[in-house]
PDB file of all heavy atoms in Angstrom:
ATOM      1  N   VAL A   1     162.757 181.567 128.648  1.00  0.00           N
ATOM      2  CA  VAL A   1     164.035 180.906 128.783  1.00  0.00           C
ATOM      3  C   VAL A   1     163.784 179.410 129.084  1.00  0.00           C
ATOM      4  O   VAL A   1     163.064 179.112 130.039  1.00  0.00           O
ATOM      5  CB  VAL A   1     164.935 181.516 129.940  1.00  0.00           C
ATOM      6  CG1 VAL A   1     166.148 180.718 130.157  1.00  0.00           C
ATOM      7  CG2 VAL A   1     165.189 182.927 129.651  1.00  0.00           C
ATOM      8  N   ILE A   2     164.310 178.566 128.257  1.00  0.00           N
ATOM      9  CA  ILE A   2     164.074 177.149 128.394  1.00  0.00           C
ATOM     10  C   ILE A   2     165.456 176.483 128.548  1.00  0.00           C
ATOM     11  O   ILE A   2     166.394 176.680 127.682  1.00  0.00           O
ATOM     12  CB  ILE A   2     163.450 176.509 127.117  1.00  0.00           C
ATOM     13  CG1 ILE A   2     162.089 177.223 126.864  1.00  0.00           C
ATOM     14  CG2 ILE A   2     163.282 174.969 127.289  1.00  0.00           C
ATOM     15  CD1 ILE A   2     161.028 176.949 127.917  1.00  0.00           C
ATOM     16  N   ILE A   3     165.649 175.671 129.560  1.00  0.00           N
ATOM     17  CA  ILE A   3     166.880 174.831 129.756  1.00  0.00           C
ATOM     18  C   ILE A   3     166.629 173.547 128.958  1.00  0.00           C
ATOM     19  O   ILE A   3     165.779 172.790 129.330  1.00  0.00           O
ATOM     20  CB  ILE A   3     167.161 174.589 131.208  1.00  0.00           C
ATOM     21  CG1 ILE A   3     167.209 175.846 132.082  1.00  0.00           C
ATOM     22  CG2 ILE A   3     168.441 173.755 131.391  1.00  0.00           C
ATOM     23  CD1 ILE A   3     168.194 176.887 131.630  1.00  0.00           C
ATOM     24  N   GLN A   4     167.320 173.394 127.891  1.00  0.00           N
ATOM     25  CA  GLN A   4     167.179 172.242 127.003  1.00  0.00           C
ATOM     26  C   GLN A   4     167.807 171.010 127.590  1.00  0.00           C
ATOM     27  O   GLN A   4     167.304 169.933 127.540  1.00  0.00           O
ATOM     28  CB  GLN A   4     167.686 172.516 125.553  1.00  0.00           C
ATOM     29  CG  GLN A   4     166.923 173.566 124.867  1.00  0.00           C
ATOM     30  CD  GLN A   4     165.572 173.146 124.391  1.00  0.00           C
ATOM     31  OE1 GLN A   4     165.400 172.053 123.787  1.00  0.00           O
ATOM     32  NE2 GLN A   4     164.583 173.931 124.634  1.00  0.00           N
ATOM     33  N   SER A   5     169.049 171.166 128.066  1.00  0.00           N
ATOM     34  CA  SER A   5     169.781 170.069 128.728  1.00  0.00           C
ATOM     35  C   SER A   5     170.856 170.619 129.566  1.00  0.00           C
ATOM     36  O   SER A   5     171.187 171.736 129.487  1.00  0.00           O
ATOM     37  CB  SER A   5     170.341 169.145 127.593  1.00  0.00           C
ATOM     38  OG  SER A   5     171.361 169.831 126.825  1.00  0.00           O
ATOM     39  N   ARG A   6     171.436 169.712 130.392  1.00  0.00           N
ATOM     40  CA  ARG A   6     172.516 170.041 131.332  1.00  0.00           C
ATOM     41  C   ARG A   6     173.482 168.919 131.307  1.00  0.00           C
ATOM     42  O   ARG A   6     173.077 167.755 131.191  1.00  0.00           O
ATOM     43  CB  ARG A   6     171.996 170.316 132.726  1.00  0.00           C
ATOM     44  CG  ARG A   6     171.068 171.464 132.824  1.00  0.00           C
ATOM     45  CD  ARG A   6     170.568 171.788 134.228  1.00  0.00           C
ATOM     46  NE  ARG A   6     170.086 170.605 134.844  1.00  0.00           N
ATOM     47  CZ  ARG A   6     169.599 170.612 136.090  1.00  0.00           C
ATOM     48  NH1 ARG A   6     169.648 171.678 136.852  1.00  0.00           N
ATOM     49  NH2 ARG A   6     169.120 169.589 136.673  1.00  0.00           N
ATOM     50  N   SER A   7     174.811 169.317 131.473  1.00  0.00           N
ATOM     51  CA  SER A   7     175.820 168.194 131.579  1.00  0.00           C
ATOM     52  C   SER A   7     175.613 167.470 132.902  1.00  0.00           C
ATOM     53  O   SER A   7     174.950 167.995 133.826  1.00  0.00           O
ATOM     54  CB  SER A   7     177.201 168.837 131.472  1.00  0.00           C
ATOM     55  OG  SER A   7     177.420 169.790 132.552  1.00  0.00           O
ATOM     56  N   HIS A   8     176.198 166.316 133.035  1.00  0.00           N
ATOM     57  CA  HIS A   8     176.080 165.523 134.222  1.00  0.00           C
ATOM     58  C   HIS A   8     176.592 166.212 135.502  1.00  0.00           C
ATOM     59  O   HIS A   8     175.984 166.097 136.534  1.00  0.00           O
ATOM     60  CB  HIS A   8     176.770 164.199 134.089  1.00  0.00           C
ATOM     61  CG  HIS A   8     176.111 163.226 133.220  1.00  0.00           C
ATOM     62  ND1 HIS A   8     174.906 162.608 133.511  1.00  0.00           N
ATOM     63  CD2 HIS A   8     176.468 162.804 131.975  1.00  0.00           C
ATOM     64  CE1 HIS A   8     174.551 161.880 132.483  1.00  0.00           C
ATOM     65  NE2 HIS A   8     175.428 161.967 131.566  1.00  0.00           N
ATOM     66  N   ASP A   9     177.569 167.085 135.300  1.00  0.00           N
ATOM     67  CA  ASP A   9     178.094 167.757 136.504  1.00  0.00           C
ATOM     68  C   ASP A   9     177.441 169.171 136.652  1.00  0.00           C
ATOM     69  O   ASP A   9     177.849 169.925 137.469  1.00  0.00           O
ATOM     70  CB  ASP A   9     179.620 167.903 136.429  1.00  0.00           C
ATOM     71  CG  ASP A   9     180.095 168.747 135.265  1.00  0.00           C
ATOM     72  OD1 ASP A   9     179.222 169.224 134.416  1.00  0.00           O
ATOM     73  OD2 ASP A   9     181.338 168.959 135.139  1.00  0.00           O
ATOM     74  N   ASP A  10     176.487 169.501 135.818  1.00  0.00           N
ATOM     75  CA  ASP A  10     175.685 170.724 135.839  1.00  0.00           C
ATOM     76  C   ASP A  10     176.450 171.941 135.535  1.00  0.00           C
ATOM     77  O   ASP A  10     176.063 173.037 135.820  1.00  0.00           O
ATOM     78  CB  ASP A  10     174.963 170.840 137.182  1.00  0.00           C
ATOM     79  CG  ASP A  10     173.753 171.802 137.162  1.00  0.00           C
ATOM     80  OD1 ASP A  10     173.077 171.744 136.128  1.00  0.00           O
ATOM     81  OD2 ASP A  10     173.527 172.495 138.105  1.00  0.00           O
ATOM     82  N   SER A  11     177.643 171.801 134.877  1.00  0.00           N
ATOM     83  CA  SER A  11     178.487 172.957 134.638  1.00  0.00           C
ATOM     84  C   SER A  11     178.161 173.617 133.271  1.00  0.00           C
ATOM     85  O   SER A  11     178.315 174.804 133.121  1.00  0.00           O
ATOM     86  CB  SER A  11     180.005 172.547 134.555  1.00  0.00           C
ATOM     87  OG  SER A  11     180.232 171.637 133.584  1.00  0.00           O
ATOM     88  N   ILE A  12     177.616 172.858 132.307  1.00  0.00           N
ATOM     89  CA  ILE A  12     177.273 173.431 131.011  1.00  0.00           C
ATOM     90  C   ILE A  12     175.780 173.122 130.722  1.00  0.00           C
ATOM     91  O   ILE A  12     175.298 172.015 130.869  1.00  0.00           O
ATOM     92  CB  ILE A  12     178.114 172.796 129.867  1.00  0.00           C
ATOM     93  CG1 ILE A  12     179.541 173.010 130.159  1.00  0.00           C
ATOM     94  CG2 ILE A  12     177.644 173.324 128.536  1.00  0.00           C
ATOM     95  CD1 ILE A  12     180.012 174.478 130.102  1.00  0.00           C
ATOM     96  N   TRP A  13     175.037 174.165 130.362  1.00  0.00           N
ATOM     97  CA  TRP A  13     173.652 174.035 129.976  1.00  0.00           C
ATOM     98  C   TRP A  13     173.526 174.408 128.555  1.00  0.00           C
ATOM     99  O   TRP A  13     174.162 175.267 127.961  1.00  0.00           O
ATOM    100  CB  TRP A  13     172.816 175.029 130.841  1.00  0.00           C
ATOM    101  CG  TRP A  13     172.856 174.885 132.296  1.00  0.00           C
ATOM    102  CD1 TRP A  13     173.478 173.946 133.038  1.00  0.00           C
ATOM    103  CD2 TRP A  13     172.136 175.705 133.262  1.00  0.00           C
ATOM    104  NE1 TRP A  13     173.296 174.168 134.382  1.00  0.00           N
ATOM    105  CE2 TRP A  13     172.415 175.246 134.522  1.00  0.00           C
ATOM    106  CE3 TRP A  13     171.300 176.769 133.077  1.00  0.00           C
ATOM    107  CZ2 TRP A  13     171.908 175.799 135.685  1.00  0.00           C
ATOM    108  CZ3 TRP A  13     170.761 177.373 134.203  1.00  0.00           C
ATOM    109  CH2 TRP A  13     171.072 176.851 135.490  1.00  0.00           C
ATOM    110  N   THR A  14     172.517 173.791 127.925  1.00  0.00           N
ATOM    111  CA  THR A  14     172.060 174.252 126.586  1.00  0.00           C
ATOM    112  C   THR A  14     170.809 174.971 126.859  1.00  0.00           C
ATOM    113  O   THR A  14     169.809 174.440 127.462  1.00  0.00           O
ATOM    114  CB  THR A  14     171.879 173.100 125.614  1.00  0.00           C
ATOM    115  OG1 THR A  14     173.038 172.316 125.592  1.00  0.00           O
ATOM    116  CG2 THR A  14     171.446 173.552 124.322  1.00  0.00           C
ATOM    117  N   VAL A  15     170.669 176.211 126.366  1.00  0.00           N
ATOM    118  CA  VAL A  15     169.537 177.100 126.659  1.00  0.00           C
ATOM    119  C   VAL A  15     168.960 177.647 125.362  1.00  0.00           C
ATOM    120  O   VAL A  15     169.599 177.915 124.406  1.00  0.00           O
ATOM    121  CB  VAL A  15     170.076 178.350 127.498  1.00  0.00           C
ATOM    122  CG1 VAL A  15     168.953 179.271 127.771  1.00  0.00           C
ATOM    123  CG2 VAL A  15     170.685 177.902 128.766  1.00  0.00           C
ATOM    124  N   ALA A  16     167.638 177.690 125.361  1.00  0.00           N
ATOM    125  CA  ALA A  16     166.874 178.278 124.239  1.00  0.00           C
ATOM    126  C   ALA A  16     166.104 179.462 124.775  1.00  0.00           C
ATOM    127  O   ALA A  16     165.527 179.410 125.834  1.00  0.00           O
ATOM    128  CB  ALA A  16     165.960 177.273 123.676  1.00  0.00           C
ATOM    129  N   ILE A  17     166.085 180.554 123.922  1.00  0.00           N
ATOM    130  CA  ILE A  17     165.307 181.744 124.226  1.00  0.00           C
ATOM    131  C   ILE A  17     164.250 181.787 123.153  1.00  0.00           C
ATOM    132  O   ILE A  17     164.498 181.887 121.970  1.00  0.00           O
ATOM    133  CB  ILE A  17     166.127 182.973 124.158  1.00  0.00           C
ATOM    134  CG1 ILE A  17     167.365 182.915 125.061  1.00  0.00           C
ATOM    135  CG2 ILE A  17     165.242 184.176 124.517  1.00  0.00           C
ATOM    136  CD1 ILE A  17     167.141 182.869 126.551  1.00  0.00           C
ATOM    137  N   LEU A  18     162.931 181.618 123.626  1.00  0.00           N
ATOM    138  CA  LEU A  18     161.840 181.592 122.712  1.00  0.00           C
ATOM    139  C   LEU A  18     161.099 182.938 122.708  1.00  0.00           C
ATOM    140  O   LEU A  18     160.329 183.255 123.579  1.00  0.00           O
ATOM    141  CB  LEU A  18     160.806 180.506 123.180  1.00  0.00           C
ATOM    142  CG  LEU A  18     161.166 179.058 122.912  1.00  0.00           C
ATOM    143  CD1 LEU A  18     162.314 178.655 123.769  1.00  0.00           C
ATOM    144  CD2 LEU A  18     159.989 178.187 122.999  1.00  0.00           C
ATOM    145  N   PRO A  19     161.313 183.804 121.757  1.00  0.00           N
ATOM    146  CA  PRO A  19     160.640 185.054 121.678  1.00  0.00           C
ATOM    147  C   PRO A  19     159.235 184.885 121.230  1.00  0.00           C
ATOM    148  O   PRO A  19     158.789 183.956 120.619  1.00  0.00           O
ATOM    149  CB  PRO A  19     161.484 185.851 120.735  1.00  0.00           C
ATOM    150  CG  PRO A  19     162.033 184.821 119.783  1.00  0.00           C
ATOM    151  CD  PRO A  19     162.237 183.564 120.598  1.00  0.00           C
ATOM    152  N   ASP A  20     158.411 185.991 121.400  1.00  0.00           N
ATOM    153  CA  ASP A  20     157.045 185.976 120.946  1.00  0.00           C
ATOM    154  C   ASP A  20     156.976 186.091 119.423  1.00  0.00           C
ATOM    155  O   ASP A  20     156.159 185.528 118.792  1.00  0.00           O
ATOM    156  CB  ASP A  20     156.309 187.174 121.498  1.00  0.00           C
ATOM    157  CG  ASP A  20     155.969 187.045 122.970  1.00  0.00           C
ATOM    158  OD1 ASP A  20     156.010 185.931 123.500  1.00  0.00           O
ATOM    159  OD2 ASP A  20     155.799 188.100 123.610  1.00  0.00           O
ATOM    160  N   ALA A  21     158.000 186.841 118.827  1.00  0.00           N
ATOM    161  CA  ALA A  21     158.087 186.971 117.369  1.00  0.00           C
ATOM    162  C   ALA A  21     159.590 186.802 117.017  1.00  0.00           C
ATOM    163  O   ALA A  21     160.425 187.525 117.567  1.00  0.00           O
ATOM    164  CB  ALA A  21     157.590 188.283 116.927  1.00  0.00           C
ATOM    165  N   GLY A  22     159.834 185.919 116.150  1.00  0.00           N
ATOM    166  CA  GLY A  22     161.222 185.659 115.638  1.00  0.00           C
ATOM    167  C   GLY A  22     161.747 184.312 115.895  1.00  0.00           C
ATOM    168  O   GLY A  22     161.025 183.502 116.614  1.00  0.00           O
ATOM    169  N   PRO A  23     162.911 184.011 115.468  1.00  0.00           N
ATOM    170  CA  PRO A  23     163.424 182.645 115.540  1.00  0.00           C
ATOM    171  C   PRO A  23     163.890 182.346 117.005  1.00  0.00           C
ATOM    172  O   PRO A  23     164.200 183.267 117.793  1.00  0.00           O
ATOM    173  CB  PRO A  23     164.600 182.643 114.612  1.00  0.00           C
ATOM    174  CG  PRO A  23     164.988 184.073 114.478  1.00  0.00           C
ATOM    175  CD  PRO A  23     163.755 184.832 114.625  1.00  0.00           C
ATOM    176  N   VAL A  24     163.968 181.126 117.371  1.00  0.00           N
ATOM    177  CA  VAL A  24     164.527 180.684 118.662  1.00  0.00           C
ATOM    178  C   VAL A  24     166.047 180.788 118.626  1.00  0.00           C
ATOM    179  O   VAL A  24     166.683 180.421 117.616  1.00  0.00           O
ATOM    180  CB  VAL A  24     164.058 179.196 118.913  1.00  0.00           C
ATOM    181  CG1 VAL A  24     164.619 178.698 120.255  1.00  0.00           C
ATOM    182  CG2 VAL A  24     162.629 179.089 118.911  1.00  0.00           C
ATOM    183  N   ARG A  25     166.612 181.300 119.677  1.00  0.00           N
ATOM    184  CA  ARG A  25     168.027 181.514 119.792  1.00  0.00           C
ATOM    185  C   ARG A  25     168.632 180.509 120.777  1.00  0.00           C
ATOM    186  O   ARG A  25     168.010 180.323 121.882  1.00  0.00           O
ATOM    187  CB  ARG A  25     168.337 182.933 120.253  1.00  0.00           C
ATOM    188  CG  ARG A  25     167.852 183.987 119.218  1.00  0.00           C
ATOM    189  CD  ARG A  25     168.100 185.405 119.668  1.00  0.00           C
ATOM    190  NE  ARG A  25     169.547 185.769 119.808  1.00  0.00           N
ATOM    191  CZ  ARG A  25     170.346 186.050 118.757  1.00  0.00           C
ATOM    192  NH1 ARG A  25     169.891 186.115 117.518  1.00  0.00           N
ATOM    193  NH2 ARG A  25     171.578 186.351 118.972  1.00  0.00           N
ATOM    194  N   TYR A  26     169.680 179.836 120.365  1.00  0.00           N
ATOM    195  CA  TYR A  26     170.232 178.811 121.227  1.00  0.00           C
ATOM    196  C   TYR A  26     171.633 179.242 121.696  1.00  0.00           C
ATOM    197  O   TYR A  26     172.402 179.858 120.980  1.00  0.00           O
ATOM    198  CB  TYR A  26     170.423 177.470 120.425  1.00  0.00           C
ATOM    199  CG  TYR A  26     169.057 176.844 120.113  1.00  0.00           C
ATOM    200  CD1 TYR A  26     168.449 177.083 118.955  1.00  0.00           C
ATOM    201  CD2 TYR A  26     168.500 175.912 121.061  1.00  0.00           C
ATOM    202  CE1 TYR A  26     167.154 176.525 118.730  1.00  0.00           C
ATOM    203  CE2 TYR A  26     167.253 175.343 120.848  1.00  0.00           C
ATOM    204  CZ  TYR A  26     166.619 175.626 119.621  1.00  0.00           C
ATOM    205  OH  TYR A  26     165.411 175.062 119.381  1.00  0.00           O
ATOM    206  N   TYR A  27     171.941 178.855 122.981  1.00  0.00           N
ATOM    207  CA  TYR A  27     173.179 179.251 123.662  1.00  0.00           C
ATOM    208  C   TYR A  27     173.648 178.032 124.449  1.00  0.00           C
ATOM    209  O   TYR A  27     172.899 177.164 124.879  1.00  0.00           O
ATOM    210  CB  TYR A  27     172.945 180.332 124.666  1.00  0.00           C
ATOM    211  CG  TYR A  27     172.490 181.626 124.044  1.00  0.00           C
ATOM    212  CD1 TYR A  27     171.100 181.954 123.794  1.00  0.00           C
ATOM    213  CD2 TYR A  27     173.390 182.686 123.829  1.00  0.00           C
ATOM    214  CE1 TYR A  27     170.716 183.112 123.268  1.00  0.00           C
ATOM    215  CE2 TYR A  27     172.938 183.852 123.234  1.00  0.00           C
ATOM    216  CZ  TYR A  27     171.629 184.107 122.985  1.00  0.00           C
ATOM    217  OH  TYR A  27     171.252 185.319 122.493  1.00  0.00           O
TER     218      TYR A  27
END
């Protein structure tokens, strides 16, 4: 689990899930 970025008020994060096999999923 990688936190890519966070809003200034820390309410919204952009998150990436990096699996061993397969594409990266962004949330």
